[in-house]
C-alpha atoms as a PDB file:
ATOM      1  CA  MET A   1       9.584  17.034  31.964  1.00  0.00           C
ATOM      2  CA  LEU A   2      13.302  17.395  31.990  1.00  0.00           C
ATOM      3  CA  TYR A   3      14.788  18.916  28.867  1.00  0.00           C
ATOM      4  CA  TYR A   4      18.439  18.766  28.028  1.00  0.00           C
ATOM      5  CA  TRP A   5      20.404  19.923  25.030  1.00  0.00           C
ATOM      6  CA  TYR A   6      23.339  18.543  23.155  1.00  0.00           C
ATOM      7  CA  GLU A   7      25.170  19.597  20.044  1.00  0.00           C
ATOM      8  CA  LYS A   8      24.564  17.530  16.947  1.00  0.00           C
ATOM      9  CA  GLY A   9      26.817  18.845  14.234  1.00  0.00           C
ATOM     10  CA  CYS A  10      26.037  22.536  13.901  1.00  0.00           C
ATOM     11  CA  GLU A  11      22.643  22.412  15.614  1.00  0.00           C
ATOM     12  CA  ASN A  12      21.464  22.096  19.182  1.00  0.00           C
ATOM     13  CA  VAL A  13      18.892  19.349  19.714  1.00  0.00           C
ATOM     14  CA  ALA A  14      16.487  19.244  22.648  1.00  0.00           C
ATOM     15  CA  HIS A  15      15.840  15.933  24.356  1.00  0.00           C
ATOM     16  CA  VAL A  16      13.056  15.144  26.789  1.00  0.00           C
ATOM     17  CA  LYS A  17      13.671  12.715  29.596  1.00  0.00           C
ATOM     18  CA  THR A  18      10.647  10.539  30.350  1.00  0.00           C
ATOM     19  CA  ALA A  19       9.675   7.450  32.310  1.00  0.00           C
ATOM     20  CA  ILE A  20       7.584   4.553  30.984  1.00  0.00           C
ATOM     21  CA  SER A  21       6.118   1.432  32.522  1.00  0.00           C
ATOM     22  CA  LEU A  22       6.659  -1.892  30.765  1.00  0.00           C
ATOM     23  CA  ASP A  23       5.798  -5.477  31.391  1.00  0.00           C
ATOM     24  CA  GLU A  24       8.894  -7.099  32.924  1.00  0.00           C
ATOM     25  CA  THR A  25       9.186  -9.597  30.078  1.00  0.00           C
ATOM     26  CA  LEU A  26       9.146  -6.844  27.471  1.00  0.00           C
ATOM     27  CA  PHE A  27      11.710  -4.876  29.490  1.00  0.00           C
ATOM     28  CA  LYS A  28      14.050  -7.887  29.546  1.00  0.00           C
ATOM     29  CA  GLU A  29      13.607  -8.381  25.794  1.00  0.00           C
ATOM     30  CA  ALA A  30      14.423  -4.711  25.240  1.00  0.00           C
ATOM     31  CA  GLU A  31      17.553  -5.010  27.373  1.00  0.00           C
ATOM     32  CA  ASN A  32      18.571  -8.078  25.378  1.00  0.00           C
ATOM     33  CA  TRP A  33      18.057  -6.314  22.032  1.00  0.00           C
ATOM     34  CA  ALA A  34      19.855  -3.200  23.204  1.00  0.00           C
ATOM     35  CA  GLY A  35      22.841  -5.390  24.053  1.00  0.00           C
ATOM     36  CA  LYS A  36      22.706  -7.200  20.705  1.00  0.00           C
ATOM     37  CA  LEU A  37      22.554  -3.891  18.855  1.00  0.00           C
ATOM     38  CA  GLY A  38      25.193  -2.236  21.011  1.00  0.00           C
ATOM     39  CA  VAL A  39      22.958   0.673  22.001  1.00  0.00           C
ATOM     40  CA  SER A  40      21.600   1.920  25.292  1.00  0.00           C
ATOM     41  CA  ARG A  41      18.052   1.032  26.349  1.00  0.00           C
ATOM     42  CA  SER A  42      17.201   4.702  25.983  1.00  0.00           C
ATOM     43  CA  ARG A  43      18.455   4.693  22.381  1.00  0.00           C
ATOM     44  CA  LEU A  44      16.582   1.460  21.630  1.00  0.00           C
ATOM     45  CA  PHE A  45      13.313   2.965  22.898  1.00  0.00           C
ATOM     46  CA  ALA A  46      13.929   6.138  20.889  1.00  0.00           C
ATOM     47  CA  MET A  47      14.594   4.053  17.754  1.00  0.00           C
ATOM     48  CA  ALA A  48      11.413   2.039  18.336  1.00  0.00           C
ATOM     49  CA  VAL A  49       9.268   5.136  18.807  1.00  0.00           C
ATOM     50  CA  GLU A  50      10.813   6.776  15.746  1.00  0.00           C
ATOM     51  CA  GLU A  51      10.090   3.695  13.631  1.00  0.00           C
ATOM     52  CA  TYR A  52       6.511   3.533  14.939  1.00  0.00           C
ATOM     53  CA  VAL A  53       5.910   7.224  14.195  1.00  0.00           C
ATOM     54  CA  ARG A  54       7.319   6.892  10.654  1.00  0.00           C
ATOM     55  CA  ARG A  55       5.156   3.821  10.019  1.00  0.00           C
ATOM     56  CA  GLN A  56       2.061   5.704  11.203  1.00  0.00           C
ATOM     57  CA  GLU A  57       2.955   8.671   8.986  1.00  0.00           C
ATOM     58  CA  ASN A  58       3.356   6.347   5.989  1.00  0.00           C
ATOM     59  CA  GLU A  59       0.030   4.644   6.699  1.00  0.00           C
ATOM     60  CA  GLU A  60      -1.662   8.028   6.979  1.00  0.00           C
ATOM     61  CA  LEU A  61      -0.140   9.115   3.665  1.00  0.00           C
ATOM     62  CA  VAL A  62      -1.354   5.930   1.960  1.00  0.00           C
ATOM     63  CA  ARG A  63      -4.829   6.456   3.440  1.00  0.00           C
ATOM     64  CA  ARG A  64      -4.890  10.039   2.154  1.00  0.00           C
ATOM     65  CA  LEU A  65      -3.697   8.945  -1.295  1.00  0.00           C
ATOM     66  CA  ASP A  66      -6.341   6.210  -1.384  1.00  0.00           C
ATOM     67  CA  GLU A  67      -9.001   8.774  -0.512  1.00  0.00           C
ATOM     68  CA  ALA A  68      -7.722  11.170  -3.167  1.00  0.00           C
ATOM     69  CA  HIS A  69      -7.908   8.451  -5.845  1.00  0.00           C
ATOM     70  CA  ALA A  70     -11.076   6.745  -4.618  1.00  0.00           C
ATOM     71  CA  ASP A  71     -12.963   7.919  -7.709  1.00  0.00           C
ATOM     72  CA  GLY A  72     -10.361   6.415 -10.036  1.00  0.00           C
ATOM     73  CA  LEU A  73      -7.498   7.820 -12.038  1.00  0.00           C
ATOM     74  CA  ASP A  74      -7.826  10.878 -14.232  1.00  0.00           C
ATOM     75  CA  ALA A  75      -6.370  10.983 -17.758  1.00  0.00           C
ATOM     76  CA  GLU A  76      -2.995  12.323 -16.573  1.00  0.00           C
ATOM     77  CA  ASP A  77      -2.702   9.578 -13.934  1.00  0.00           C
ATOM     78  CA  GLU A  78      -3.655   6.918 -16.494  1.00  0.00           C
ATOM     79  CA  GLU A  79      -0.934   8.159 -18.864  1.00  0.00           C
ATOM     80  CA  ALA A  80       1.660   8.199 -16.070  1.00  0.00           C
ATOM     81  CA  LEU A  81       0.652   4.651 -15.110  1.00  0.00           C
ATOM     82  CA  ARG A  82       0.971   3.388 -18.702  1.00  0.00           C
ATOM     83  CA  HIS A  83       4.359   5.085 -19.033  1.00  0.00           C
ATOM     84  CA  GLY A  84       5.596   3.525 -15.783  1.00  0.00           C
ATOM     85  CA  GLN A  85       4.348   0.105 -16.829  1.00  0.00           C
ATOM     86  CA  ALA A  86       6.150   0.411 -20.171  1.00  0.00           C
ATOM     87  CA  LEU A  87       9.402   1.407 -18.454  1.00  0.00           C
ATOM     88  CA  PHE A  88       9.078  -1.512 -16.057  1.00  0.00           C
ATOM     89  CA  ALA A  89       8.436  -3.951 -18.923  1.00  0.00           C
ATOM     90  CA  ASP A  90      11.524  -2.629 -20.742  1.00  0.00           C
ATOM     91  CA  MET A  91      13.599  -3.029 -17.590  1.00  0.00           C
ATOM     92  CA  LEU A  92      12.443  -6.657 -17.198  1.00  0.00           C
ATOM     93  CA  ARG A  93      13.252  -7.447 -20.836  1.00  0.00           C
ATOM     94  CA  ARG A  94      16.767  -5.963 -20.481  1.00  0.00           C
ATOM     95  CA  ALA A  95      17.328  -7.924 -17.276  1.00  0.00           C
ATOM     96  CA  GLU A  96      16.273 -11.150 -19.011  1.00  0.00           C
ATOM     97  CA  ARG A  97      18.612 -10.491 -21.943  1.00  0.00           C
ATOM     98  CA  GLU A  98      21.520  -9.689 -19.640  1.00  0.00           C
ATOM     99  CA  GLY A  99      20.785 -12.799 -17.584  1.00  0.00           C
ATOM    100  CA  ARG A 100      21.009 -15.049 -20.649  1.00  0.00           C
ATOM    101  CA  GLN A 101      24.368 -13.711 -21.815  1.00  0.00           C
END
């Protein structure tokens, strides 16, 4: 792997240069989108991988939360839920009143 560094603000950030194989059609679509977005192909691929990683992290967090609450809500969670629902209902009522005026 080839590492290179560049300064980003006050910090140095390491980058890894890599090679990937893509179906030609997907490669052409990526080139097209990179042009539309005004970014390099390399930046487009980095953005796509970053988005994929974040999505996977979010899905893992949701899975872990689901597991943690699989046995239902405890009293504190129930109270927090009721409080949130009441705040949301108040917000909707205010929005309706403001919409009518």
